[in-house]
Each structure stands twice: as C-alpha cells, then as structure tokens.
Amino acid sequence: MISVVGHTTTDHLFTVPELVAKNHSTFITAHKVFYGGGAANIAAGIAMLGGTAELVTAVGGDFAGSDYDHWLTTLGVLRRFIVKPEMHSSTCYLFNDGTDDQTTYFEWGASEALTSAEAPVLDRVHLAPCEPDFCVRVAEKASWVSFDPGQDLVRFSREQIDTILRMTNQLFVNRHEAERICTIGGFSQEDLISMVPRVIITQSADGSFLYQGGEEVRVPSLPVTLVDPTGAGDAFRAGFLTAEKQGYDPVTAMEIGTTVASFVVEKAGCQTNLPDWERMAARYRTHFGALPPLSLS
C-alpha cells in the first residue's frame, strides 16, 4: 500500500487569453469545476491503475456525501481523514492561458488542520503538497519517504527543507520547483542531487530526468493533443509510484508515469481521464515497446 499525504481539493479551472502582470486585468473565457488536490489526484491515479492507495488528508464538513466523496469511494481509495465540520474543504483556483503556463491560487480551508494534527505512523509514504511541519513529522515516523512539495514549497523554511530532504528517499519536482528548492535551501542543483538518493525532475514537453547513483537518464514526453496541463505532474507520480510498488525499475516507472500523464492532459481536470492499467499499457507499447519483466530486487 502507498499512503499519500496532502490536500483534497475542489479545482476551479479558468481559461484566460493571457496570464497578466500585476495591476493588469483580463477576461475569463471558460470556468469549470473538477476534483483535485495533489494527494487526492495521486491516490485516485494509483487506485485507477489497480494499486492500493491510502489518502491522508483533511476535509471540511462539506465533503461527506459530496460527489467527490462518492467518486473516491467508487475508486476504492482508502481513507485516513481529519474532518473539520466547521470548515470547508480546500479550494484551488487555476488560470490557464491555453499553453503549458498557468497561475494558481490556493485556499487552504480545512487543510489548515494539518498544522496541529498528530502525524500518523506510515510505512511507505508519498508526501504530496502539504503543510510543511506536518510533512516533516510524518517523514520522521515513516519507513520510506517520497517527497513532492509542489505549490506548497513556498511555505517551507530553509530548516524544514534541509530536515525533510535528509529523510527523503525519492524527490519529485518540476524544473521551476527544482530552482526554488535550491534557493530556499541555499544549495545548488548538484548538491540537491547528491543529497537525495533518487531525484526526478519533470520538464513538461522536454520530458523528465532521473538522477540516481551519479547517473542521469532522460525519458521523453509523448506526443499528445494538449487540452489542459493541470494534473500532469500528479498523474506522472501516480504512474511512477504504482509501477515502482509493483517492482518495475525506475526508468520503466518513469516511462509508465509519462504514459499516465499523457492521458490526463488530453482532457480538462486532474482526474477526468485517468487511465486504468490496460489503457496505459496499450499506449506504453506504442511508444516504448513491451513492458519489461518485473525487477526481482
């Protein structure tokens, strides 16, 4: 089982002609509402692929009985929820300009409860964007840690970054987050790569890079008709974590993650077009060939 820690969020996706500068304005051409939250997206992706995922999150009194609640139940996502009846669940407002670029505004809502929540003892855990101190406390108790700070990276102090990276077995960041984490931590990308046993840096259309054991491996992205880039990173992580848990080697896991992400960007919404294992495998074969035998390690 993979425990995924972080947000469960309602996403409001706005399409705009351009992402404007400070003190400028534009108009909205479309507004849609979807299921989101990095942790919930990853847990849903793992469950859709046939894996077992436990979602560790905080929700408000508005969640129980909601469509989102029923959706996670249908997928079979296990739950370790902190429920704050007097609060509403977190909300994310995303503004896309029709390219790879977007601006995000996040309202924490019930997720603020993680600040004072007791950290559970978990075995294999993926820390998605989450309250920094809670991440540190969860990592301290976990047997194996995968870390993905995402948009919550701006809330981490230098001390928190240094502490959690020293407990991290596997780090996921995009190229912008890689630069920011180095700025916060006061070190270079080379230092970051040497600090964490496995670092994966995604670079949108330029593919993804694996740094492990002093080696660099690049996995290309797949040609797709891009509709919405939101959730691509979460889908990549879901595919990678599922494949890794099954015993696939890291490069194959990256290829599987890349394949899962290629489905998600073809439709609006982070969980709208998540593939099951069979759909993923069919597309994988088209671009990467047959899935290799499972690793025995």
C-alpha atoms as a PDB file:
ATOM      1  CA  MET A   1       0.000   0.000   0.000  1.00  0.00           C
ATOM      2  CA  ILE A   2       1.073   3.573  -0.688  1.00  0.00           C
ATOM      3  CA  SER A   3      -0.038   6.281   1.746  1.00  0.00           C
ATOM      4  CA  VAL A   4      -0.393   9.671   0.072  1.00  0.00           C
ATOM      5  CA  VAL A   5      -0.373  12.735   2.318  1.00  0.00           C
ATOM      6  CA  GLY A   6      -1.694  16.166   1.370  1.00  0.00           C
ATOM      7  CA  HIS A   7      -4.684  18.058   0.020  1.00  0.00           C
ATOM      8  CA  THR A   8      -8.108  17.007  -1.220  1.00  0.00           C
ATOM      9  CA  THR A   9      -9.375  19.997  -3.140  1.00  0.00           C
ATOM     10  CA  THR A  10     -12.085  21.285  -5.428  1.00  0.00           C
ATOM     11  CA  ASP A  11     -10.449  22.806  -8.505  1.00  0.00           C
ATOM     12  CA  HIS A  12     -11.897  25.803 -10.287  1.00  0.00           C
ATOM     13  CA  LEU A  13     -10.258  25.957 -13.694  1.00  0.00           C
ATOM     14  CA  PHE A  14     -10.407  29.243 -15.565  1.00  0.00           C
ATOM     15  CA  THR A  15      -9.287  29.776 -19.143  1.00  0.00           C
ATOM     16  CA  VAL A  16      -7.952  33.247 -19.943  1.00  0.00           C
ATOM     17  CA  PRO A  17      -6.417  34.807 -23.075  1.00  0.00           C
ATOM     18  CA  GLU A  18      -3.188  35.526 -21.207  1.00  0.00           C
ATOM     19  CA  LEU A  19      -1.656  35.477 -17.744  1.00  0.00           C
ATOM     20  CA  VAL A  20      -1.475  39.141 -16.941  1.00  0.00           C
ATOM     21  CA  ALA A  21       1.059  41.072 -14.900  1.00  0.00           C
ATOM     22  CA  LYS A  22       0.428  42.735 -11.548  1.00  0.00           C
ATOM     23  CA  ASN A  23      -2.204  45.517 -11.657  1.00  0.00           C
ATOM     24  CA  HIS A  24      -3.445  44.369 -15.083  1.00  0.00           C
ATOM     25  CA  SER A  25      -6.697  42.607 -15.915  1.00  0.00           C
ATOM     26  CA  THR A  26      -8.153  40.211 -18.449  1.00  0.00           C
ATOM     27  CA  PHE A  27     -11.387  38.296 -19.013  1.00  0.00           C
ATOM     28  CA  ILE A  28     -12.344  34.676 -18.399  1.00  0.00           C
ATOM     29  CA  THR A  29     -13.417  32.616 -21.409  1.00  0.00           C
ATOM     30  CA  ALA A  30     -14.307  29.394 -19.535  1.00  0.00           C
ATOM     31  CA  HIS A  31     -14.854  28.200 -15.954  1.00  0.00           C
ATOM     32  CA  LYS A  32     -15.124  24.519 -14.991  1.00  0.00           C
ATOM     33  CA  VAL A  33     -15.088  22.695 -11.658  1.00  0.00           C
ATOM     34  CA  PHE A  34     -13.186  19.437 -11.106  1.00  0.00           C
ATOM     35  CA  TYR A  35     -11.909  17.073  -8.432  1.00  0.00           C
ATOM     36  CA  GLY A  36      -8.372  17.943  -7.374  1.00  0.00           C
ATOM     37  CA  GLY A  37      -5.752  18.292  -4.671  1.00  0.00           C
ATOM     38  CA  GLY A  38      -2.320  16.809  -5.268  1.00  0.00           C
ATOM     39  CA  ALA A  39      -2.642  13.973  -2.754  1.00  0.00           C
ATOM     40  CA  ALA A  40      -6.157  13.034  -3.871  1.00  0.00           C
ATOM     41  CA  ASN A  41      -5.122  13.173  -7.539  1.00  0.00           C
ATOM     42  CA  ILE A  42      -2.230  10.799  -6.905  1.00  0.00           C
ATOM     43  CA  ALA A  43      -4.272   8.434  -4.738  1.00  0.00           C
ATOM     44  CA  ALA A  44      -7.033   8.359  -7.378  1.00  0.00           C
ATOM     45  CA  GLY A  45      -4.461   7.684 -10.108  1.00  0.00           C
ATOM     46  CA  ILE A  46      -2.921   4.806  -8.170  1.00  0.00           C
ATOM     47  CA  ALA A  47      -6.353   3.294  -7.481  1.00  0.00           C
ATOM     48  CA  MET A  48      -7.380   3.639 -11.137  1.00  0.00           C
ATOM     49  CA  LEU A  49      -4.228   1.757 -12.157  1.00  0.00           C
ATOM     50  CA  GLY A  50      -5.160  -1.072  -9.817  1.00  0.00           C
ATOM     51  CA  GLY A  51      -2.889  -0.166  -6.906  1.00  0.00           C
ATOM     52  CA  THR A  52      -3.840   0.292  -3.273  1.00  0.00           C
ATOM     53  CA  ALA A  53      -3.693   3.870  -2.034  1.00  0.00           C
ATOM     54  CA  GLU A  54      -4.485   5.391   1.336  1.00  0.00           C
ATOM     55  CA  LEU A  55      -5.321   9.102   1.302  1.00  0.00           C
ATOM     56  CA  VAL A  56      -4.173  11.031   4.383  1.00  0.00           C
ATOM     57  CA  THR A  57      -5.864  14.421   4.255  1.00  0.00           C
ATOM     58  CA  ALA A  58      -8.081  16.976   5.974  1.00  0.00           C
ATOM     59  CA  VAL A  59     -11.555  17.866   4.731  1.00  0.00           C
ATOM     60  CA  GLY A  60     -14.363  20.138   5.857  1.00  0.00           C
ATOM     61  CA  GLY A  61     -17.960  19.462   6.770  1.00  0.00           C
ATOM     62  CA  ASP A  62     -18.904  19.892   3.112  1.00  0.00           C
ATOM     63  CA  PHE A  63     -17.115  16.726   1.953  1.00  0.00           C
ATOM     64  CA  ALA A  64     -19.149  13.845   3.383  1.00  0.00           C
ATOM     65  CA  GLY A  65     -21.859  12.826   0.918  1.00  0.00           C
ATOM     66  CA  SER A  66     -20.477  15.041  -1.847  1.00  0.00           C
ATOM     67  CA  ASP A  67     -19.909  13.859  -5.409  1.00  0.00           C
ATOM     68  CA  TYR A  68     -16.192  13.871  -4.672  1.00  0.00           C
ATOM     69  CA  ASP A  69     -16.763  11.628  -1.649  1.00  0.00           C
ATOM     70  CA  HIS A  70     -18.688   9.145  -3.798  1.00  0.00           C
ATOM     71  CA  TRP A  71     -16.026   9.245  -6.526  1.00  0.00           C
ATOM     72  CA  LEU A  72     -13.226   8.271  -4.151  1.00  0.00           C
ATOM     73  CA  THR A  73     -15.431   5.522  -2.724  1.00  0.00           C
ATOM     74  CA  THR A  74     -16.049   4.173  -6.224  1.00  0.00           C
ATOM     75  CA  LEU A  75     -12.310   4.093  -6.897  1.00  0.00           C
ATOM     76  CA  GLY A  76     -11.651   2.222  -3.671  1.00  0.00           C
ATOM     77  CA  VAL A  77      -9.294   4.819  -2.188  1.00  0.00           C
ATOM     78  CA  LEU A  78      -8.654   4.067   1.486  1.00  0.00           C
ATOM     79  CA  ARG A  79      -9.032   6.974   3.906  1.00  0.00           C
ATOM     80  CA  ARG A  80      -7.297   8.425   6.916  1.00  0.00           C
ATOM     81  CA  PHE A  81      -9.246  11.684   7.119  1.00  0.00           C
ATOM     82  CA  ILE A  82      -9.141  14.551   9.565  1.00  0.00           C
ATOM     83  CA  VAL A  83     -12.623  16.066   9.415  1.00  0.00           C
ATOM     84  CA  LYS A  84     -13.248  19.675  10.473  1.00  0.00           C
ATOM     85  CA  PRO A  85     -17.060  20.054  10.386  1.00  0.00           C
ATOM     86  CA  GLU A  86     -16.930  23.813  10.979  1.00  0.00           C
ATOM     87  CA  MET A  87     -14.667  24.426   7.958  1.00  0.00           C
ATOM     88  CA  HIS A  88     -14.919  23.915   4.214  1.00  0.00           C
ATOM     89  CA  SER A  89     -12.536  21.772   2.215  1.00  0.00           C
ATOM     90  CA  SER A  90      -9.632  23.391   0.405  1.00  0.00           C
ATOM     91  CA  THR A  91     -10.207  25.124  -2.932  1.00  0.00           C
ATOM     92  CA  CYS A  92      -7.834  25.761  -5.809  1.00  0.00           C
ATOM     93  CA  TYR A  93      -8.236  28.447  -8.473  1.00  0.00           C
ATOM     94  CA  LEU A  94      -6.193  27.796 -11.608  1.00  0.00           C
ATOM     95  CA  PHE A  95      -5.827  30.200 -14.520  1.00  0.00           C
ATOM     96  CA  ASN A  96      -4.605  28.689 -17.814  1.00  0.00           C
ATOM     97  CA  ASP A  97      -3.736  30.548 -20.986  1.00  0.00           C
ATOM     98  CA  GLY A  98      -4.065  27.522 -23.275  1.00  0.00           C
ATOM     99  CA  THR A  99      -0.344  26.671 -23.172  1.00  0.00           C
ATOM    100  CA  ASP A 100       1.861  24.942 -20.601  1.00  0.00           C
ATOM    101  CA  ASP A 101       1.713  28.073 -18.429  1.00  0.00           C
ATOM    102  CA  GLN A 102      -0.674  28.647 -15.549  1.00  0.00           C
ATOM    103  CA  THR A 103      -1.122  30.650 -12.361  1.00  0.00           C
ATOM    104  CA  THR A 104      -2.548  29.044  -9.221  1.00  0.00           C
ATOM    105  CA  TYR A 105      -4.231  30.487  -6.129  1.00  0.00           C
ATOM    106  CA  PHE A 106      -4.849  28.048  -3.288  1.00  0.00           C
ATOM    107  CA  GLU A 107      -7.264  28.468  -0.376  1.00  0.00           C
ATOM    108  CA  TRP A 108      -6.297  26.053   2.395  1.00  0.00           C
ATOM    109  CA  GLY A 109      -9.628  25.723   4.214  1.00  0.00           C
ATOM    110  CA  ALA A 110      -9.702  22.539   6.301  1.00  0.00           C
ATOM    111  CA  SER A 111      -6.152  21.691   5.264  1.00  0.00           C
ATOM    112  CA  GLU A 112      -5.014  24.143   7.932  1.00  0.00           C
ATOM    113  CA  ALA A 113      -5.938  21.428  10.453  1.00  0.00           C
ATOM    114  CA  LEU A 114      -2.820  19.519   9.429  1.00  0.00           C
ATOM    115  CA  THR A 115      -0.717  22.158  11.181  1.00  0.00           C
ATOM    116  CA  SER A 116      -1.616  20.779  14.615  1.00  0.00           C
ATOM    117  CA  ALA A 117      -2.631  17.235  13.650  1.00  0.00           C
ATOM    118  CA  GLU A 118      -0.798  14.255  15.093  1.00  0.00           C
ATOM    119  CA  ALA A 119       1.416  12.647  12.454  1.00  0.00           C
ATOM    120  CA  PRO A 120       0.430   9.027  11.748  1.00  0.00           C
ATOM    121  CA  VAL A 121       2.956   6.204  11.606  1.00  0.00           C
ATOM    122  CA  LEU A 122       3.109   5.158   7.953  1.00  0.00           C
ATOM    123  CA  ASP A 123       5.255   2.628   6.138  1.00  0.00           C
ATOM    124  CA  ARG A 124       5.624   3.681   2.513  1.00  0.00           C
ATOM    125  CA  VAL A 125       4.553   7.312   2.159  1.00  0.00           C
ATOM    126  CA  HIS A 126       4.386   9.884  -0.606  1.00  0.00           C
ATOM    127  CA  LEU A 127       4.285  13.444   0.693  1.00  0.00           C
ATOM    128  CA  ALA A 128       2.345  15.495  -1.844  1.00  0.00           C
ATOM    129  CA  PRO A 129       1.994  19.291  -1.360  1.00  0.00           C
ATOM    130  CA  CYS A 130       1.036  19.709   2.288  1.00  0.00           C
ATOM    131  CA  GLU A 131       1.583  21.704   5.473  1.00  0.00           C
ATOM    132  CA  PRO A 132       5.396  21.746   5.942  1.00  0.00           C
ATOM    133  CA  ASP A 133       5.643  20.861   9.624  1.00  0.00           C
ATOM    134  CA  PHE A 134       3.176  18.002   9.179  1.00  0.00           C
ATOM    135  CA  CYS A 135       5.312  16.709   6.290  1.00  0.00           C
ATOM    136  CA  VAL A 136       8.412  16.764   8.471  1.00  0.00           C
ATOM    137  CA  ARG A 137       6.654  14.973  11.331  1.00  0.00           C
ATOM    138  CA  VAL A 138       5.220  12.303   9.011  1.00  0.00           C
ATOM    139  CA  ALA A 139       8.641  11.758   7.415  1.00  0.00           C
ATOM    140  CA  GLU A 140      10.250  11.308  10.820  1.00  0.00           C
ATOM    141  CA  LYS A 141       7.957   8.334  11.536  1.00  0.00           C
ATOM    142  CA  ALA A 142       7.871   6.738   8.075  1.00  0.00           C
ATOM    143  CA  SER A 143       9.940   3.800   6.840  1.00  0.00           C
ATOM    144  CA  TRP A 144      10.339   5.156   3.298  1.00  0.00           C
ATOM    145  CA  VAL A 145       9.639   8.671   2.027  1.00  0.00           C
ATOM    146  CA  SER A 146       8.813  10.093  -1.376  1.00  0.00           C
ATOM    147  CA  PHE A 147       8.547  13.894  -1.375  1.00  0.00           C
ATOM    148  CA  ASP A 148       6.742  16.230  -3.783  1.00  0.00           C
ATOM    149  CA  PRO A 149       6.498  19.772  -2.346  1.00  0.00           C
ATOM    150  CA  GLY A 150       4.730  21.297  -5.365  1.00  0.00           C
ATOM    151  CA  GLN A 151       2.965  24.616  -4.880  1.00  0.00           C
ATOM    152  CA  ASP A 152       3.389  24.431  -1.091  1.00  0.00           C
ATOM    153  CA  LEU A 153       7.152  24.742  -1.465  1.00  0.00           C
ATOM    154  CA  VAL A 154       6.822  28.487  -0.810  1.00  0.00           C
ATOM    155  CA  ARG A 155       5.684  27.690   2.764  1.00  0.00           C
ATOM    156  CA  PHE A 156       8.793  25.677   3.673  1.00  0.00           C
ATOM    157  CA  SER A 157      11.596  27.267   5.657  1.00  0.00           C
ATOM    158  CA  ARG A 158      15.250  26.520   4.969  1.00  0.00           C
ATOM    159  CA  GLU A 159      15.386  24.376   8.108  1.00  0.00           C
ATOM    160  CA  GLN A 160      12.291  22.386   7.100  1.00  0.00           C
ATOM    161  CA  ILE A 161      13.643  21.791   3.591  1.00  0.00           C
ATOM    162  CA  ASP A 162      17.003  20.649   4.949  1.00  0.00           C
ATOM    163  CA  THR A 163      15.375  18.348   7.514  1.00  0.00           C
ATOM    164  CA  ILE A 164      12.937  16.658   5.168  1.00  0.00           C
ATOM    165  CA  LEU A 165      15.405  16.210   2.311  1.00  0.00           C
ATOM    166  CA  ARG A 166      17.714  14.306   4.636  1.00  0.00           C
ATOM    167  CA  MET A 167      14.871  11.846   5.295  1.00  0.00           C
ATOM    168  CA  THR A 168      13.739  11.653   1.658  1.00  0.00           C
ATOM    169  CA  ASN A 169      14.408   8.567  -0.439  1.00  0.00           C
ATOM    170  CA  GLN A 170      12.831   9.963  -3.601  1.00  0.00           C
ATOM    171  CA  LEU A 171      12.137  13.545  -4.683  1.00  0.00           C
ATOM    172  CA  PHE A 172       9.759  14.735  -7.422  1.00  0.00           C
ATOM    173  CA  VAL A 173       9.997  18.333  -8.666  1.00  0.00           C
ATOM    174  CA  ASN A 174       9.480  20.185 -11.918  1.00  0.00           C
ATOM    175  CA  ARG A 175      12.214  22.466 -13.238  1.00  0.00           C
ATOM    176  CA  HIS A 176      10.756  25.567 -11.553  1.00  0.00           C
ATOM    177  CA  GLU A 177      10.429  23.776  -8.206  1.00  0.00           C
ATOM    178  CA  ALA A 178      13.984  22.453  -8.520  1.00  0.00           C
ATOM    179  CA  GLU A 179      15.258  26.028  -8.805  1.00  0.00           C
ATOM    180  CA  ARG A 180      13.103  27.236  -5.918  1.00  0.00           C
ATOM    181  CA  ILE A 181      14.009  24.388  -3.570  1.00  0.00           C
ATOM    182  CA  CYS A 182      17.688  25.145  -4.167  1.00  0.00           C
ATOM    183  CA  THR A 183      17.081  28.838  -3.476  1.00  0.00           C
ATOM    184  CA  ILE A 184      15.249  28.092  -0.219  1.00  0.00           C
ATOM    185  CA  GLY A 185      17.814  25.523   0.875  1.00  0.00           C
ATOM    186  CA  GLY A 186      20.817  27.593  -0.157  1.00  0.00           C
ATOM    187  CA  PHE A 187      22.428  24.897  -2.287  1.00  0.00           C
ATOM    188  CA  SER A 188      22.974  24.049  -5.956  1.00  0.00           C
ATOM    189  CA  GLN A 189      21.095  21.506  -8.063  1.00  0.00           C
ATOM    190  CA  GLU A 190      24.194  19.318  -7.920  1.00  0.00           C
ATOM    191  CA  ASP A 191      24.027  19.446  -4.120  1.00  0.00           C
ATOM    192  CA  LEU A 192      20.339  18.532  -4.236  1.00  0.00           C
ATOM    193  CA  ILE A 193      21.011  15.544  -6.469  1.00  0.00           C
ATOM    194  CA  SER A 194      23.776  14.299  -4.189  1.00  0.00           C
ATOM    195  CA  MET A 195      21.620  14.819  -1.077  1.00  0.00           C
ATOM    196  CA  VAL A 196      18.687  12.608  -2.139  1.00  0.00           C
ATOM    197  CA  PRO A 197      19.171   9.013  -3.390  1.00  0.00           C
ATOM    198  CA  ARG A 198      16.714   9.487  -6.275  1.00  0.00           C
ATOM    199  CA  VAL A 199      15.705  12.823  -7.812  1.00  0.00           C
ATOM    200  CA  ILE A 200      13.175  13.095 -10.651  1.00  0.00           C
ATOM    201  CA  ILE A 201      12.797  16.425 -12.423  1.00  0.00           C
ATOM    202  CA  THR A 202       9.924  16.793 -14.889  1.00  0.00           C
ATOM    203  CA  GLN A 203      10.206  19.352 -17.657  1.00  0.00           C
ATOM    204  CA  SER A 204       6.825  19.333 -19.420  1.00  0.00           C
ATOM    205  CA  ALA A 205       7.264  18.765 -23.168  1.00  0.00           C
ATOM    206  CA  ASP A 206      11.010  18.243 -22.701  1.00  0.00           C
ATOM    207  CA  GLY A 207      10.377  15.031 -20.783  1.00  0.00           C
ATOM    208  CA  SER A 208      11.677  14.011 -17.377  1.00  0.00           C
ATOM    209  CA  PHE A 209      15.106  13.368 -15.898  1.00  0.00           C
ATOM    210  CA  LEU A 210      16.164  10.731 -13.386  1.00  0.00           C
ATOM    211  CA  TYR A 211      19.214  11.318 -11.204  1.00  0.00           C
ATOM    212  CA  GLN A 212      20.362   8.300  -9.265  1.00  0.00           C
ATOM    213  CA  GLY A 213      23.728   6.797  -8.374  1.00  0.00           C
ATOM    214  CA  GLY A 214      25.613   9.540 -10.171  1.00  0.00           C
ATOM    215  CA  GLU A 215      23.794   8.904 -13.468  1.00  0.00           C
ATOM    216  CA  GLU A 216      21.296  10.974 -15.460  1.00  0.00           C
ATOM    217  CA  VAL A 217      18.583   9.369 -17.601  1.00  0.00           C
ATOM    218  CA  ARG A 218      16.076  11.274 -19.735  1.00  0.00           C
ATOM    219  CA  VAL A 219      12.653   9.923 -20.653  1.00  0.00           C
ATOM    220  CA  PRO A 220      10.900  11.872 -23.442  1.00  0.00           C
ATOM    221  CA  SER A 221       7.335  13.081 -23.215  1.00  0.00           C
ATOM    222  CA  LEU A 222       4.692  11.589 -25.500  1.00  0.00           C
ATOM    223  CA  PRO A 223       3.076  13.461 -28.400  1.00  0.00           C
ATOM    224  CA  VAL A 224      -0.423  14.472 -27.307  1.00  0.00           C
ATOM    225  CA  THR A 225      -3.137  16.958 -28.114  1.00  0.00           C
ATOM    226  CA  LEU A 226      -2.828  19.250 -25.116  1.00  0.00           C
ATOM    227  CA  VAL A 227      -6.125  20.409 -23.631  1.00  0.00           C
ATOM    228  CA  ASP A 228      -5.142  21.172 -20.040  1.00  0.00           C
ATOM    229  CA  PRO A 229      -1.730  20.638 -18.361  1.00  0.00           C
ATOM    230  CA  THR A 230      -3.237  20.693 -14.861  1.00  0.00           C
ATOM    231  CA  GLY A 231      -2.621  17.427 -13.041  1.00  0.00           C
ATOM    232  CA  ALA A 232       0.061  16.091 -15.376  1.00  0.00           C
ATOM    233  CA  GLY A 233       2.641  16.005 -12.592  1.00  0.00           C
ATOM    234  CA  ASP A 234       0.278  14.218 -10.209  1.00  0.00           C
ATOM    235  CA  ALA A 235      -0.556  11.643 -12.891  1.00  0.00           C
ATOM    236  CA  PHE A 236       3.156  11.107 -13.523  1.00  0.00           C
ATOM    237  CA  ARG A 237       3.712  10.465  -9.821  1.00  0.00           C
ATOM    238  CA  ALA A 238       0.742   8.086  -9.636  1.00  0.00           C
ATOM    239  CA  GLY A 239       2.078   6.072 -12.551  1.00  0.00           C
ATOM    240  CA  PHE A 240       5.626   6.044 -11.215  1.00  0.00           C
ATOM    241  CA  LEU A 241       4.629   5.068  -7.664  1.00  0.00           C
ATOM    242  CA  THR A 242       2.308   2.307  -8.879  1.00  0.00           C
ATOM    243  CA  ALA A 243       4.953   0.860 -11.186  1.00  0.00           C
ATOM    244  CA  GLU A 244       7.667   1.131  -8.547  1.00  0.00           C
ATOM    245  CA  LYS A 245       5.483  -0.633  -5.972  1.00  0.00           C
ATOM    246  CA  GLN A 246       4.922  -3.460  -8.479  1.00  0.00           C
ATOM    247  CA  GLY A 247       8.686  -3.868  -8.841  1.00  0.00           C
ATOM    248  CA  TYR A 248       9.491  -2.099 -12.113  1.00  0.00           C
ATOM    249  CA  ASP A 249      12.879  -0.425 -12.399  1.00  0.00           C
ATOM    250  CA  PRO A 250      12.983   3.398 -12.067  1.00  0.00           C
ATOM    251  CA  VAL A 251      13.362   4.111 -15.801  1.00  0.00           C
ATOM    252  CA  THR A 252      10.388   1.919 -16.688  1.00  0.00           C
ATOM    253  CA  ALA A 253       8.451   3.542 -13.854  1.00  0.00           C
ATOM    254  CA  MET A 254       9.237   6.946 -15.377  1.00  0.00           C
ATOM    255  CA  GLU A 255       8.005   5.738 -18.759  1.00  0.00           C
ATOM    256  CA  ILE A 256       4.792   4.474 -17.139  1.00  0.00           C
ATOM    257  CA  GLY A 257       4.388   7.786 -15.311  1.00  0.00           C
ATOM    258  CA  THR A 258       4.908   9.662 -18.558  1.00  0.00           C
ATOM    259  CA  THR A 259       2.285   7.493 -20.248  1.00  0.00           C
ATOM    260  CA  VAL A 260      -0.288   8.071 -17.491  1.00  0.00           C
ATOM    261  CA  ALA A 261       0.339  11.831 -17.648  1.00  0.00           C
ATOM    262  CA  SER A 262      -0.246  11.823 -21.406  1.00  0.00           C
ATOM    263  CA  PHE A 263      -3.861  10.767 -20.826  1.00  0.00           C
ATOM    264  CA  VAL A 264      -4.588  13.392 -18.204  1.00  0.00           C
ATOM    265  CA  VAL A 265      -3.525  16.387 -20.316  1.00  0.00           C
ATOM    266  CA  GLU A 266      -5.896  15.346 -23.111  1.00  0.00           C
ATOM    267  CA  LYS A 267      -8.943  16.434 -21.088  1.00  0.00           C
ATOM    268  CA  ALA A 268      -9.628  19.199 -18.595  1.00  0.00           C
ATOM    269  CA  GLY A 269      -9.475  18.148 -14.944  1.00  0.00           C
ATOM    270  CA  CYS A 270      -6.852  16.254 -12.966  1.00  0.00           C
ATOM    271  CA  GLN A 271      -8.925  13.084 -12.551  1.00  0.00           C
ATOM    272  CA  THR A 272     -11.158  13.239 -15.606  1.00  0.00           C
ATOM    273  CA  ASN A 273      -9.124  10.996 -17.919  1.00  0.00           C
ATOM    274  CA  LEU A 274      -7.070   8.819 -15.586  1.00  0.00           C
ATOM    275  CA  PRO A 275      -6.336   5.518 -17.369  1.00  0.00           C
ATOM    276  CA  ASP A 276      -6.618   2.040 -15.963  1.00  0.00           C
ATOM    277  CA  TRP A 277      -3.623  -0.288 -16.316  1.00  0.00           C
ATOM    278  CA  GLU A 278      -4.826  -1.800 -19.601  1.00  0.00           C
ATOM    279  CA  ARG A 279      -5.265   1.576 -21.328  1.00  0.00           C
ATOM    280  CA  MET A 280      -1.907   2.715 -20.015  1.00  0.00           C
ATOM    281  CA  ALA A 281      -0.152  -0.477 -21.161  1.00  0.00           C
ATOM    282  CA  ALA A 282      -1.596  -0.240 -24.675  1.00  0.00           C
ATOM    283  CA  ARG A 283      -0.263   3.301 -25.128  1.00  0.00           C
ATOM    284  CA  TYR A 284       3.020   2.365 -23.448  1.00  0.00           C
ATOM    285  CA  ARG A 285       3.589  -0.401 -26.021  1.00  0.00           C
ATOM    286  CA  THR A 286       3.015   2.054 -28.856  1.00  0.00           C
ATOM    287  CA  HIS A 287       5.723   4.432 -27.675  1.00  0.00           C
ATOM    288  CA  PHE A 288       8.142   2.411 -25.536  1.00  0.00           C
ATOM    289  CA  GLY A 289       7.604  -1.200 -26.616  1.00  0.00           C
ATOM    290  CA  ALA A 290       6.559  -4.131 -24.463  1.00  0.00           C
ATOM    291  CA  LEU A 291       6.689  -3.676 -20.708  1.00  0.00           C
ATOM    292  CA  PRO A 292       9.918  -5.319 -19.464  1.00  0.00           C
ATOM    293  CA  PRO A 293       9.910  -8.149 -16.933  1.00  0.00           C
ATOM    294  CA  LEU A 294       9.435  -7.073 -13.344  1.00  0.00           C
ATOM    295  CA  SER A 295      12.571  -6.380 -11.335  1.00  0.00           C
ATOM    296  CA  LEU A 296      13.376  -9.068  -8.771  1.00  0.00           C
ATOM    297  CA  SER A 297      15.022  -6.567  -6.400  1.00  0.00           C
END
